[in-house]
Amino acid sequence: MVTSVAEGGGSSFVAVNLAAAFAFDQSRTSLIIDTNLSAPGLDKIFDIKDMPGVVNFIEDSGIGLEEIIYASGVKRMRVLPAGQRTEYASEYLGSTQMESLIENLKNRYNDRFIIIDAPPLTDPASARQIAKLSDKIVVVIPYGKISGQELTEKLALLPKEKIAGVLINNEP
């Protein structure tokens, strides 16, 4: 899971680059999933706007994984977009369908790294739902945009044992 302590903190940028780095290993593949359901960003980055994704899969049990996973333009890297926007992000992300989706993807390919582009910690309910489904968490901190006190409060929202590290983004 890659999340930011602030909206616009750069977590999508970091998630995409992390997924690409894993895909450059010829023995591995990567999948990046956009779970920022109220403000998705991967559809723009990969030019897959208005394509079905996570929300559509959760709402329609007839949609298969092969219908919502797209080529990224990077060899061995795939993208699963958020799909249609929703105001009910935390309900969707906390659903049994979402849990099933992540478990299915984890078990589908042994050589695949799954990078979840998560909502920022300004949406704590949604971020916590994704944190439950994630093995590790990378937190993106936008340089100069958050105080030490705010950082401490935001990091307290996440399980400490899952935090793999923090990354300062946009440092001058």
Protein backbone atom coordinates (compact mmCIF):
# COMPACT_ATOMS: atom_id res chain seq x y z
CA MET A 1 0.00 0.00 0.00
CA VAL A 2 1.22 3.47 -0.87
CA THR A 3 -0.58 6.38 0.79
CA SER A 4 0.09 10.03 1.51
CA VAL A 5 -0.39 12.07 4.65
CA ALA A 6 -2.02 14.80 2.53
CA GLU A 7 -4.14 15.02 -0.59
CA GLY A 8 -1.97 15.63 -3.64
CA GLY A 9 1.06 14.33 -1.74
CA GLY A 10 2.34 12.24 -4.64
CA SER A 11 1.36 8.73 -3.61
CA SER A 12 0.17 7.83 -7.13
CA PHE A 13 3.50 8.98 -8.57
CA VAL A 14 5.40 6.88 -6.02
CA ALA A 15 3.12 3.86 -6.50
CA VAL A 16 3.53 3.92 -10.28
CA ASN A 17 7.30 4.18 -10.04
CA LEU A 18 7.46 1.40 -7.46
CA ALA A 19 5.33 -0.88 -9.65
CA ALA A 20 7.50 -0.07 -12.68
CA ALA A 21 10.69 -0.81 -10.73
CA PHE A 22 9.37 -4.26 -9.76
CA ALA A 23 8.33 -4.92 -13.36
CA PHE A 24 11.87 -4.19 -14.59
CA ASP A 25 12.98 -7.38 -12.83
CA GLN A 26 12.57 -9.95 -15.60
CA SER A 27 11.56 -12.65 -13.11
CA ARG A 28 8.71 -10.56 -11.65
CA THR A 29 5.52 -8.79 -12.68
CA SER A 30 3.58 -6.03 -10.99
CA LEU A 31 0.00 -4.90 -10.70
CA ILE A 32 -0.96 -1.44 -9.52
CA ILE A 33 -4.47 -1.01 -8.13
CA ASP A 34 -6.18 2.38 -7.75
CA THR A 35 -8.25 2.30 -4.55
CA ASN A 36 -8.63 6.06 -4.23
CA LEU A 37 -12.26 5.64 -5.29
CA SER A 38 -13.37 9.22 -4.65
CA ALA A 39 -10.42 10.81 -6.49
CA PRO A 40 -8.75 8.20 -8.74
CA GLY A 41 -5.60 9.14 -10.60
CA LEU A 42 -4.29 6.09 -12.45
CA ASP A 43 -6.93 6.33 -15.17
CA LYS A 44 -5.37 9.62 -16.30
CA ILE A 45 -1.78 8.44 -15.97
CA PHE A 46 -2.40 5.33 -18.08
CA ASP A 47 -5.07 6.80 -20.40
CA ILE A 48 -7.77 4.34 -19.33
CA LYS A 49 -10.39 6.89 -18.33
CA ASP A 50 -13.95 5.58 -18.02
CA MET A 51 -12.79 1.97 -18.07
CA PRO A 52 -14.32 -0.50 -15.61
CA GLY A 53 -12.30 -1.18 -12.47
CA VAL A 54 -12.52 -1.83 -8.74
CA VAL A 55 -15.95 -0.20 -8.19
CA ASN A 56 -17.48 -2.01 -11.15
CA PHE A 57 -16.08 -5.34 -9.94
CA ILE A 58 -17.54 -4.80 -6.46
CA GLU A 59 -20.94 -3.76 -7.82
CA ASP A 60 -21.29 -6.44 -10.51
CA SER A 61 -20.46 -10.05 -9.65
CA GLY A 62 -20.58 -10.86 -13.38
CA ILE A 63 -17.40 -8.90 -14.12
CA GLY A 64 -14.24 -11.02 -14.25
CA LEU A 65 -10.71 -9.92 -13.37
CA GLU A 66 -9.63 -10.19 -17.00
CA GLU A 67 -12.16 -7.44 -17.81
CA ILE A 68 -10.70 -4.87 -15.40
CA ILE A 69 -6.92 -5.39 -15.64
CA TYR A 70 -5.17 -3.40 -18.38
CA ALA A 71 -1.74 -3.15 -19.95
CA SER A 72 0.27 -0.22 -18.62
CA GLY A 73 2.71 0.31 -21.44
CA VAL A 74 5.48 -1.10 -19.24
CA LYS A 75 6.36 -4.71 -19.92
CA ARG A 76 5.23 -7.04 -17.08
CA MET A 77 3.21 -4.26 -15.39
CA ARG A 78 -0.59 -4.18 -15.30
CA VAL A 79 -3.12 -1.64 -14.01
CA LEU A 80 -6.44 -2.08 -12.26
CA PRO A 81 -8.17 1.33 -12.22
CA ALA A 82 -10.72 2.53 -9.67
CA GLY A 83 -13.50 2.52 -12.26
CA GLN A 84 -16.41 4.85 -11.74
CA ARG A 85 -16.08 7.37 -8.91
CA THR A 86 -18.07 6.83 -5.74
CA GLU A 87 -18.78 8.77 -2.57
CA TYR A 88 -19.06 5.48 -0.66
CA ALA A 89 -15.37 4.64 -0.81
CA SER A 90 -14.91 3.29 2.72
CA GLU A 91 -17.99 1.06 2.40
CA TYR A 92 -16.71 -0.39 -0.88
CA LEU A 93 -13.16 -0.79 0.39
CA GLY A 94 -14.40 -2.53 3.55
CA SER A 95 -16.67 -4.92 1.66
CA THR A 96 -16.26 -8.67 1.44
CA GLN A 97 -16.01 -8.27 -2.35
CA MET A 98 -12.94 -6.03 -1.93
CA GLU A 99 -11.35 -8.48 0.46
CA SER A 100 -12.06 -11.29 -2.00
CA LEU A 101 -10.62 -9.26 -4.89
CA ILE A 102 -7.32 -8.64 -3.07
CA GLU A 103 -7.03 -12.26 -1.88
CA ASN A 104 -7.74 -13.53 -5.40
CA LEU A 105 -5.07 -11.24 -6.85
CA LYS A 106 -2.53 -12.23 -4.18
CA ASN A 107 -3.05 -15.92 -4.92
CA ARG A 108 -3.28 -15.62 -8.71
CA TYR A 109 0.42 -15.15 -9.54
CA ASN A 110 3.35 -16.07 -7.28
CA ASP A 111 5.74 -13.71 -9.07
CA ARG A 112 3.52 -10.61 -8.97
CA PHE A 113 4.04 -7.62 -6.69
CA ILE A 114 0.75 -5.86 -5.96
CA ILE A 115 1.02 -2.14 -5.32
CA ILE A 116 -2.13 -0.50 -3.98
CA ASP A 117 -2.43 3.22 -4.67
CA ALA A 118 -4.47 4.03 -1.57
CA PRO A 119 -6.50 7.06 -0.52
CA PRO A 120 -4.62 9.68 1.49
CA LEU A 121 -4.72 9.60 5.28
CA THR A 122 -7.05 12.61 5.12
CA ASP A 123 -9.67 9.89 4.40
CA PRO A 124 -8.82 7.74 7.43
CA ALA A 125 -11.70 5.26 7.10
CA SER A 126 -10.76 4.33 3.52
CA ALA A 127 -7.03 4.24 4.25
CA ARG A 128 -7.58 1.94 7.24
CA GLN A 129 -9.71 -0.43 5.15
CA ILE A 130 -6.88 -0.80 2.62
CA ALA A 131 -4.26 -1.08 5.36
CA LYS A 132 -6.09 -4.16 6.69
CA LEU A 133 -5.71 -5.83 3.28
CA SER A 134 -2.06 -4.85 2.79
CA ASP A 135 1.13 -6.57 3.86
CA LYS A 136 3.29 -3.43 3.97
CA ILE A 137 2.69 0.33 3.84
CA VAL A 138 4.78 3.11 2.34
CA VAL A 139 3.78 6.60 3.50
CA VAL A 140 4.49 9.58 1.25
CA ILE A 141 5.11 12.90 2.97
CA PRO A 142 4.98 16.03 0.79
CA TYR A 143 7.99 18.17 1.67
CA GLY A 144 7.13 21.21 3.79
CA LYS A 145 3.36 20.63 3.70
CA ILE A 146 2.79 18.96 7.07
CA SER A 147 3.93 19.60 10.64
CA GLY A 148 5.57 17.05 12.90
CA GLN A 149 2.42 16.92 15.04
CA GLU A 150 0.22 16.28 11.98
CA LEU A 151 2.60 13.56 10.82
CA THR A 152 2.46 11.83 14.20
CA GLU A 153 -1.36 11.96 14.15
CA LYS A 154 -1.56 10.57 10.61
CA LEU A 155 0.92 7.76 11.22
CA ALA A 156 -1.05 6.73 14.32
CA LEU A 157 -3.93 5.80 11.99
CA LEU A 158 -1.88 2.93 10.55
CA PRO A 159 -0.70 -0.33 12.10
CA LYS A 160 2.95 0.32 13.04
CA GLU A 161 4.06 -3.22 12.23
CA LYS A 162 3.01 -2.75 8.59
CA ILE A 163 4.81 0.53 7.92
CA ALA A 164 7.76 -0.31 5.67
CA GLY A 165 8.96 3.25 5.47
CA VAL A 166 8.25 6.85 4.64
CA LEU A 167 9.26 8.80 1.57
CA ILE A 168 9.59 12.57 1.38
CA ASN A 169 8.28 13.78 -1.97
CA ASN A 170 8.87 17.07 -3.82
CA GLU A 171 11.96 18.00 -1.85
CA PRO A 172 13.57 21.05 -3.47
